[in-house]
Structure formats: C-alpha cells, structure tokens
Amino acid sequence: MKKIEPRLLQAFVAVAREGSVSRGAQRLFLTQPAVSLQLKELGALVELELFQRTPTGLLLTRDGAALLNHAEHALEGLNDFAVAAERLKGGVRGSLRIGTILDPDFTRLSPFLTELVGLAPELETELHQGTSGDVLARLLNKELDIGFYLGDPEATDLPQASAAARRQEGGLFHSQVLTRFNYQVIGPSGWAPQVLGRDWPELAYLPWVLAPPTSSHSRLLAPVLQTHKLVLKKAAQADQEMSMLALVRAGVGISLARDALALQASQRDGLVIADRVSIGCDLRFVCLAGALKRPEVDCAWQALSRVWRQAF
C-alpha cells in the first residue's frame, strides 16, 4: 500500500464526523470537489468502501467505522509531534515535582511518565511517595507541583490554607477525576462469622488495622464514624496498603482495602470481605489552580489526558 498522506485522513475524519462532504469541506476550509477527490483517493489506496450514500448524506460503512478511530489517532499523533516540537522550541525545561500515592499500576504512573517524557524530554521529574493528605499539604507549601489524590480536595479541611486562598474564585485546587471505585472492609481468613452480615456498629468492635490521620482511609472513615458515633479499636497502624493487608493476613485485625485489592486477597488468601458496608471514592489528579498556566504543569495534564482518555 502506498503512503497515506495526512490530508486524506483529515478529509475522511471531517466527512465522517459531519455526515456530508459539503459540511466536511466547510470544516476543512476546502471546496467540496477537493474533499470528494481526497475521499476517492483514500478509498483507492486502502481498497475499501468507506462511505455509503443515503438521502440525508453519507454514512460510514462497517469498514469505514472500523478505520475511523485509527485515522483520528494517527492525526492526533501528528499533532502531538507538532506540539512536542513547539514545546522544545519554547524551552519546557526545569523540574516537575509529582506526588504519588498507592501502587504505580493503579495510578498508571509508568505510562503517564512515558507520555510526559515524550512531550517534554528536557523536563526533569521528581517523584514523592506519600498519602493523599501529604500531597495536598505539600502542594500548599509549594513542595510539590502536581499529584494524585483520593477524594475531593476542595472538601478537605486544610488548616494551612489561608482565608484568602479559600476565597479564591473557582476554588483553591484544580482536579480531574480519573476513576471511581469502592473501599471494602476486609478481615483475616476464618473471620467470616465476625465480618459477614455485619454493619458499621458491629464491625467497630473488632480490632482494626488503621492508616495515619492524613491518609484517605482516615478521611473516608471519619463521616461514617461520626454518623454512627463510633470509635474504632486500633490494633495496629501502617502507612502502605500492602503493609495493612499483610497485617490482616496475619490475623491482627480488619481494615479498608480498595475493591480490586480486596477481591484479589480474598481469592488468593481467603480473606473475608464484609458484604454489608463499603465506601465510595475517586482517584484524582490535582494541582493548585494558579499552577495551570505554568508550561511544565500543562505538560503533565496533557500527558495525563492521553493515559486516562476516558476521564477527559
């Protein structure tokens, strides 16, 4: 097959999205005959029928529909190349301090960094692992530029945020929900009688493996405990989910775990998942609202949008 020029893909995508050659031509600022010729040329190159005519315009054939996403991604790749070149000319350099939480697979950290390097090869990145509370505090203290967070940052009580900052139009933070999930209560193998069929008041009497006060676990549990006027019985504390699960496996107590981890631990180790309670949560990417105009922060958001396409 001969090389397919970008102009042919642009014509194909424009007509597919507009549903007619005339509207596609207007979108591309070309004449209708020019776009028709480009479609004909593309069809000849791929040796497929891409459109079928209807009384109201053009409809994609099955082959055309199958190729549309590929065409859009190819054009997006060309645009990414141009943007990357402009960023290099503009000198997107310096350092970007990123707050990370949980495990890298869940946050898609590696693909995100790969995209970021592609956008700004000269940008130096620093990763700082911690809890969600740590991320917000360090953003406010200008120790981080951007980071991952669990929950809504605007709903979090932050003593270090000044009154003027809290009154900032549009909010103190800029954040984007990447995915939503549930936290489950998980207990040691053999604890089914104590865990299954139990609500929060009954679970509160069991020994708990807790996280630090700045963690998402503590923030998520706080309204539940307040509603039911409960105090948990602390048996141990850990600042990493894997460590908390290890303590649960050892029979120390029950704990919160992300639904995917809880299911995996249940299937592999026989841990017991409480069937009456759960807490909803979301994973977000966050920065200070005023940081969006910085080129290195903008690069991070661009990279993130490619890795989490369905969220943007």
Protein backbone atom coordinates (compact mmCIF):
# COMPACT_ATOMS: atom_id res chain seq x y z
CA MET A 1 0.00 0.00 0.00
CA LYS A 2 1.23 3.50 -0.82
CA LYS A 3 1.88 6.04 1.89
CA ILE A 4 -1.31 7.74 3.12
CA GLU A 5 -0.96 11.49 3.42
CA PRO A 6 -2.44 13.32 6.44
CA ARG A 7 -4.70 15.44 4.20
CA LEU A 8 -6.58 12.30 3.14
CA LEU A 9 -7.15 11.25 6.74
CA GLN A 10 -8.28 14.77 7.61
CA ALA A 11 -10.86 14.66 4.84
CA PHE A 12 -12.05 11.20 5.93
CA VAL A 13 -12.45 12.22 9.59
CA ALA A 14 -14.14 15.54 8.76
CA VAL A 15 -16.74 13.95 6.47
CA ALA A 16 -17.30 11.04 8.87
CA ARG A 17 -17.97 13.43 11.75
CA GLU A 18 -20.09 15.89 9.76
CA GLY A 19 -22.05 13.31 7.78
CA SER A 20 -21.69 15.09 4.45
CA VAL A 21 -18.98 16.19 2.03
CA SER A 22 -20.18 19.78 1.98
CA ARG A 23 -20.07 20.21 5.78
CA GLY A 24 -16.75 18.35 5.92
CA ALA A 25 -15.35 20.71 3.30
CA GLN A 26 -16.52 23.73 5.30
CA ARG A 27 -14.83 22.33 8.40
CA LEU A 28 -11.55 21.98 6.48
CA PHE A 29 -11.94 25.29 4.58
CA LEU A 30 -11.75 23.42 1.29
CA THR A 31 -14.04 23.11 -1.73
CA GLN A 32 -16.48 20.23 -1.96
CA PRO A 33 -14.87 18.79 -5.14
CA ALA A 34 -11.43 18.82 -3.46
CA VAL A 35 -12.71 16.82 -0.49
CA SER A 36 -14.56 14.38 -2.76
CA LEU A 37 -11.34 13.73 -4.66
CA GLN A 38 -9.45 13.12 -1.42
CA LEU A 39 -12.05 10.59 -0.27
CA LYS A 40 -11.86 8.84 -3.62
CA GLU A 41 -8.06 8.77 -3.42
CA LEU A 42 -8.13 7.35 0.12
CA GLY A 43 -10.65 4.68 -0.83
CA ALA A 44 -8.46 3.63 -3.75
CA LEU A 45 -5.37 3.43 -1.53
CA VAL A 46 -6.98 1.23 1.13
CA GLU A 47 -9.10 -0.64 -1.44
CA LEU A 48 -12.20 -0.38 0.76
CA GLU A 49 -15.59 1.28 0.53
CA LEU A 50 -15.57 3.83 3.35
CA PHE A 51 -18.98 5.52 2.93
CA GLN A 52 -22.42 4.73 1.60
CA ARG A 53 -24.75 7.38 0.28
CA THR A 54 -28.17 7.97 1.88
CA PRO A 55 -30.92 10.51 1.11
CA THR A 56 -29.66 12.66 4.00
CA GLY A 57 -25.90 12.41 3.40
CA LEU A 58 -23.07 9.92 3.87
CA LEU A 59 -22.88 7.08 6.36
CA LEU A 60 -19.77 5.14 7.30
CA THR A 61 -19.65 1.57 6.12
CA ARG A 62 -18.57 -1.11 8.58
CA ASP A 63 -15.02 -0.87 7.21
CA GLY A 64 -15.10 2.93 7.43
CA ALA A 65 -16.30 2.83 11.04
CA ALA A 66 -13.52 0.37 11.92
CA LEU A 67 -10.90 2.72 10.45
CA LEU A 68 -12.21 5.99 11.91
CA ASN A 69 -10.56 5.64 15.34
CA HIS A 70 -7.27 4.66 13.69
CA ALA A 71 -7.42 7.75 11.48
CA GLU A 72 -8.16 10.01 14.46
CA HIS A 73 -5.31 8.52 16.48
CA ALA A 74 -2.92 8.92 13.54
CA LEU A 75 -3.83 12.61 13.21
CA GLU A 76 -3.57 13.05 16.96
CA GLY A 77 -0.08 11.57 16.82
CA LEU A 78 0.93 14.10 14.19
CA ASN A 79 -0.48 16.90 16.32
CA ASP A 80 1.38 15.54 19.35
CA PHE A 81 4.60 15.65 17.34
CA ALA A 82 4.00 19.27 16.39
CA VAL A 83 3.12 20.21 19.97
CA ALA A 84 6.22 18.45 21.29
CA ALA A 85 8.39 20.31 18.78
CA GLU A 86 6.85 23.62 19.83
CA ARG A 87 7.42 22.82 23.47
CA LEU A 88 11.07 22.07 22.79
CA LYS A 89 11.43 25.35 20.91
CA GLY A 90 9.68 27.09 23.78
CA GLY A 91 12.08 25.51 26.25
CA VAL A 92 9.82 23.45 28.56
CA ARG A 93 12.56 22.56 30.97
CA GLY A 94 13.26 22.70 34.68
CA SER A 95 11.75 20.25 37.16
CA LEU A 96 8.31 18.91 37.99
CA ARG A 97 7.65 17.51 41.48
CA ILE A 98 4.91 14.88 41.42
CA GLY A 99 3.16 13.50 44.49
CA THR A 100 2.37 9.81 44.10
CA ILE A 101 0.13 7.56 46.19
CA LEU A 102 -0.91 3.91 46.28
CA ASP A 103 0.68 1.47 43.82
CA PRO A 104 2.00 2.65 40.43
CA ASP A 105 -0.20 0.29 38.43
CA PHE A 106 -3.40 1.74 39.90
CA THR A 107 -2.38 5.34 39.10
CA ARG A 108 -0.92 4.33 35.69
CA LEU A 109 2.26 6.09 36.75
CA SER A 110 4.61 4.46 34.24
CA PRO A 111 2.51 5.25 31.12
CA PHE A 112 1.98 8.78 32.44
CA LEU A 113 5.74 9.34 32.82
CA THR A 114 6.36 7.88 29.37
CA GLU A 115 3.92 10.37 27.82
CA LEU A 116 5.44 13.20 29.85
CA VAL A 117 8.95 12.40 28.63
CA GLY A 118 7.64 12.34 25.07
CA LEU A 119 6.09 15.78 25.47
CA ALA A 120 8.97 17.42 27.33
CA PRO A 121 12.22 15.41 27.09
CA GLU A 122 14.17 18.14 28.86
CA LEU A 123 11.82 18.25 31.85
CA GLU A 124 13.27 16.67 35.00
CA THR A 125 10.74 14.81 37.14
CA GLU A 126 10.85 14.12 40.88
CA LEU A 127 8.52 11.54 42.43
CA HIS A 128 7.48 11.86 46.07
CA GLN A 129 5.51 8.94 47.53
CA GLY A 130 3.11 9.65 50.39
CA THR A 131 -0.52 9.74 51.48
CA SER A 132 -3.26 11.85 49.90
CA GLY A 133 -3.14 14.27 52.82
CA ASP A 134 0.59 14.66 52.33
CA VAL A 135 0.04 15.57 48.68
CA LEU A 136 -2.35 18.45 49.45
CA ALA A 137 -0.23 19.78 52.29
CA ARG A 138 2.91 19.75 50.15
CA LEU A 139 1.08 21.40 47.25
CA LEU A 140 0.05 24.24 49.55
CA ASN A 141 3.58 24.52 50.90
CA LYS A 142 4.95 24.67 47.31
CA GLU A 143 6.91 21.45 47.89
CA LEU A 144 5.01 19.68 45.08
CA ASP A 145 3.76 20.92 41.73
CA ILE A 146 1.13 18.29 40.99
CA GLY A 147 -0.01 14.94 42.33
CA PHE A 148 -2.54 12.16 42.73
CA TYR A 149 -5.26 12.39 45.38
CA LEU A 150 -8.16 10.30 46.69
CA GLY A 151 -11.42 12.22 47.12
CA ASP A 152 -12.37 15.86 46.56
CA PRO A 153 -9.55 18.23 47.55
CA GLU A 154 -11.94 21.17 47.92
CA ALA A 155 -13.91 19.24 50.56
CA THR A 156 -10.81 18.60 52.67
CA ASP A 157 -10.15 20.66 55.80
CA LEU A 158 -6.73 22.24 55.35
CA PRO A 159 -5.64 24.38 58.29
CA GLN A 160 -2.60 25.64 56.38
CA ALA A 161 -4.79 27.17 53.64
CA SER A 162 -5.21 30.89 54.24
CA ALA A 163 -8.62 32.52 54.31
CA ALA A 164 -7.73 34.46 51.14
CA ALA A 165 -6.78 31.24 49.37
CA ARG A 166 -10.05 29.61 50.37
CA ARG A 167 -12.00 32.53 48.88
CA GLN A 168 -10.17 32.18 45.56
CA GLU A 169 -12.62 32.21 42.65
CA GLY A 170 -13.03 28.77 41.13
CA GLY A 171 -11.52 27.01 44.11
CA LEU A 172 -8.11 26.52 45.59
CA PHE A 173 -7.30 23.42 43.54
CA HIS A 174 -7.76 22.21 40.01
CA SER A 175 -8.52 18.49 39.89
CA GLN A 176 -9.75 15.82 37.49
CA VAL A 177 -11.48 12.57 38.43
CA LEU A 178 -9.59 9.70 36.80
CA THR A 179 -11.58 6.71 38.08
CA ARG A 180 -14.13 5.81 40.75
CA PHE A 181 -14.00 2.74 42.98
CA ASN A 182 -15.06 1.42 46.40
CA TYR A 183 -13.20 0.72 49.60
CA GLN A 184 -14.21 -2.58 51.20
CA VAL A 185 -13.74 -3.80 54.76
CA ILE A 186 -11.59 -6.91 54.69
CA GLY A 187 -10.82 -9.35 57.50
CA PRO A 188 -8.48 -12.31 58.15
CA SER A 189 -9.24 -15.79 56.88
CA GLY A 190 -11.63 -17.52 59.25
CA TRP A 191 -13.28 -14.29 60.40
CA ALA A 192 -16.45 -14.79 58.33
CA PRO A 193 -18.73 -15.02 61.41
CA GLN A 194 -17.42 -11.69 62.72
CA VAL A 195 -17.46 -9.89 59.35
CA LEU A 196 -20.21 -11.21 57.07
CA GLY A 197 -23.64 -9.69 57.56
CA ARG A 198 -22.26 -7.03 59.92
CA ASP A 199 -22.87 -3.28 59.74
CA TRP A 200 -20.56 -0.49 60.89
CA PRO A 201 -21.52 -0.57 64.60
CA GLU A 202 -20.72 -4.30 64.83
CA LEU A 203 -17.51 -4.01 62.81
CA ALA A 204 -16.30 -1.15 65.01
CA TYR A 205 -15.94 -3.54 67.97
CA LEU A 206 -13.39 -5.66 66.08
CA PRO A 207 -9.65 -4.84 66.14
CA TRP A 208 -8.66 -2.56 63.23
CA VAL A 209 -5.51 -2.03 61.21
CA LEU A 210 -5.63 1.71 60.65
CA ALA A 211 -3.76 4.21 58.46
CA PRO A 212 -2.22 7.55 59.54
CA PRO A 213 -4.58 10.50 60.18
CA THR A 214 -3.51 12.19 56.90
CA SER A 215 -4.46 9.13 54.84
CA SER A 216 -7.52 8.69 52.65
CA HIS A 217 -8.61 5.80 54.91
CA SER A 218 -8.96 8.14 57.88
CA ARG A 219 -10.79 10.80 55.86
CA LEU A 220 -13.21 8.25 54.41
CA LEU A 221 -13.91 6.61 57.75
CA ALA A 222 -14.44 9.91 59.61
CA PRO A 223 -18.02 10.67 58.41
CA VAL A 224 -19.04 7.02 58.92
CA LEU A 225 -17.77 7.06 62.49
CA GLN A 226 -19.37 10.44 63.15
CA THR A 227 -22.75 9.32 61.78
CA HIS A 228 -22.82 6.20 63.96
CA LYS A 229 -20.96 7.81 66.91
CA LEU A 230 -18.28 5.12 66.82
CA VAL A 231 -14.65 4.86 67.85
CA LEU A 232 -12.57 2.13 66.22
CA LYS A 233 -10.47 -0.27 68.23
CA LYS A 234 -6.94 0.26 66.95
CA ALA A 235 -4.80 -2.90 66.86
CA ALA A 236 -2.05 -1.67 64.52
CA GLN A 237 -1.17 1.16 62.13
CA ALA A 238 0.58 1.13 58.74
CA ASP A 239 1.10 3.76 56.05
CA GLN A 240 1.06 1.48 52.99
CA GLU A 241 -1.82 -0.64 51.70
CA MET A 242 0.39 -3.68 51.17
CA SER A 243 1.58 -3.48 54.78
CA MET A 244 -2.01 -3.15 56.01
CA LEU A 245 -3.05 -6.22 54.04
CA ALA A 246 -0.09 -8.14 55.44
CA LEU A 247 -1.30 -7.35 58.97
CA VAL A 248 -4.81 -8.50 58.03
CA ARG A 249 -3.41 -11.76 56.65
CA ALA A 250 -1.55 -12.23 59.91
CA GLY A 251 -4.82 -12.05 61.83
CA VAL A 252 -4.13 -8.73 63.55
CA GLY A 253 -7.47 -7.17 62.60
CA ILE A 254 -9.72 -5.85 59.86
CA SER A 255 -9.01 -2.92 57.54
CA LEU A 256 -10.10 -0.96 54.48
CA ALA A 257 -8.84 -2.07 51.07
CA ARG A 258 -9.57 -0.97 47.52
CA ASP A 259 -12.14 -3.26 45.92
CA ALA A 260 -9.69 -4.74 43.39
CA LEU A 261 -7.11 -5.50 46.09
CA ALA A 262 -9.76 -6.88 48.42
CA LEU A 263 -11.06 -9.25 45.74
CA GLN A 264 -7.55 -10.39 44.87
CA ALA A 265 -6.70 -11.03 48.52
CA SER A 266 -9.97 -12.88 49.02
CA GLN A 267 -9.38 -15.18 46.08
CA ARG A 268 -5.69 -15.77 46.78
CA ASP A 269 -5.50 -15.80 50.58
CA GLY A 270 -9.05 -16.48 51.67
CA LEU A 271 -9.51 -13.08 53.33
CA VAL A 272 -13.11 -12.17 54.13
CA ILE A 273 -14.83 -9.15 52.53
CA ALA A 274 -17.65 -7.53 54.51
CA ASP A 275 -20.84 -7.76 52.47
CA ARG A 276 -22.91 -5.05 54.14
CA VAL A 277 -20.65 -1.99 54.00
CA SER A 278 -18.43 -0.12 51.55
CA ILE A 279 -17.24 3.46 50.96
CA GLY A 280 -17.16 5.13 47.55
CA CYS A 281 -14.07 7.07 46.50
CA ASP A 282 -12.43 8.53 43.41
CA LEU A 283 -8.85 8.89 42.22
CA ARG A 284 -7.98 12.41 41.08
CA PHE A 285 -5.06 14.33 39.66
CA VAL A 286 -4.66 17.70 41.36
CA CYS A 287 -2.62 20.89 41.39
CA LEU A 288 -3.07 24.41 42.72
CA ALA A 289 -5.47 26.33 40.48
CA GLY A 290 -2.89 29.00 39.78
CA ALA A 291 -0.30 26.47 38.59
CA LEU A 292 -2.15 25.60 35.38
CA LYS A 293 -0.50 28.44 33.45
CA ARG A 294 2.96 27.00 34.06
CA PRO A 295 4.21 25.13 30.94
CA GLU A 296 5.60 22.16 32.89
CA VAL A 297 2.30 21.68 34.72
CA ASP A 298 0.39 22.00 31.45
CA CYS A 299 2.63 19.26 30.01
CA ALA A 300 1.69 16.99 32.91
CA TRP A 301 -2.04 17.49 32.28
CA GLN A 302 -1.56 16.81 28.57
CA ALA A 303 0.30 13.58 29.33
CA LEU A 304 -2.31 12.52 31.85
CA SER A 305 -5.19 13.11 29.41
CA ARG A 306 -3.64 10.65 26.96
CA VAL A 307 -3.23 7.92 29.55
CA TRP A 308 -6.70 8.44 31.05
CA ARG A 309 -8.55 9.29 27.80
CA GLN A 310 -11.95 8.11 29.06
CA ALA A 311 -11.78 10.51 32.04
CA PHE A 312 -11.25 13.68 29.95
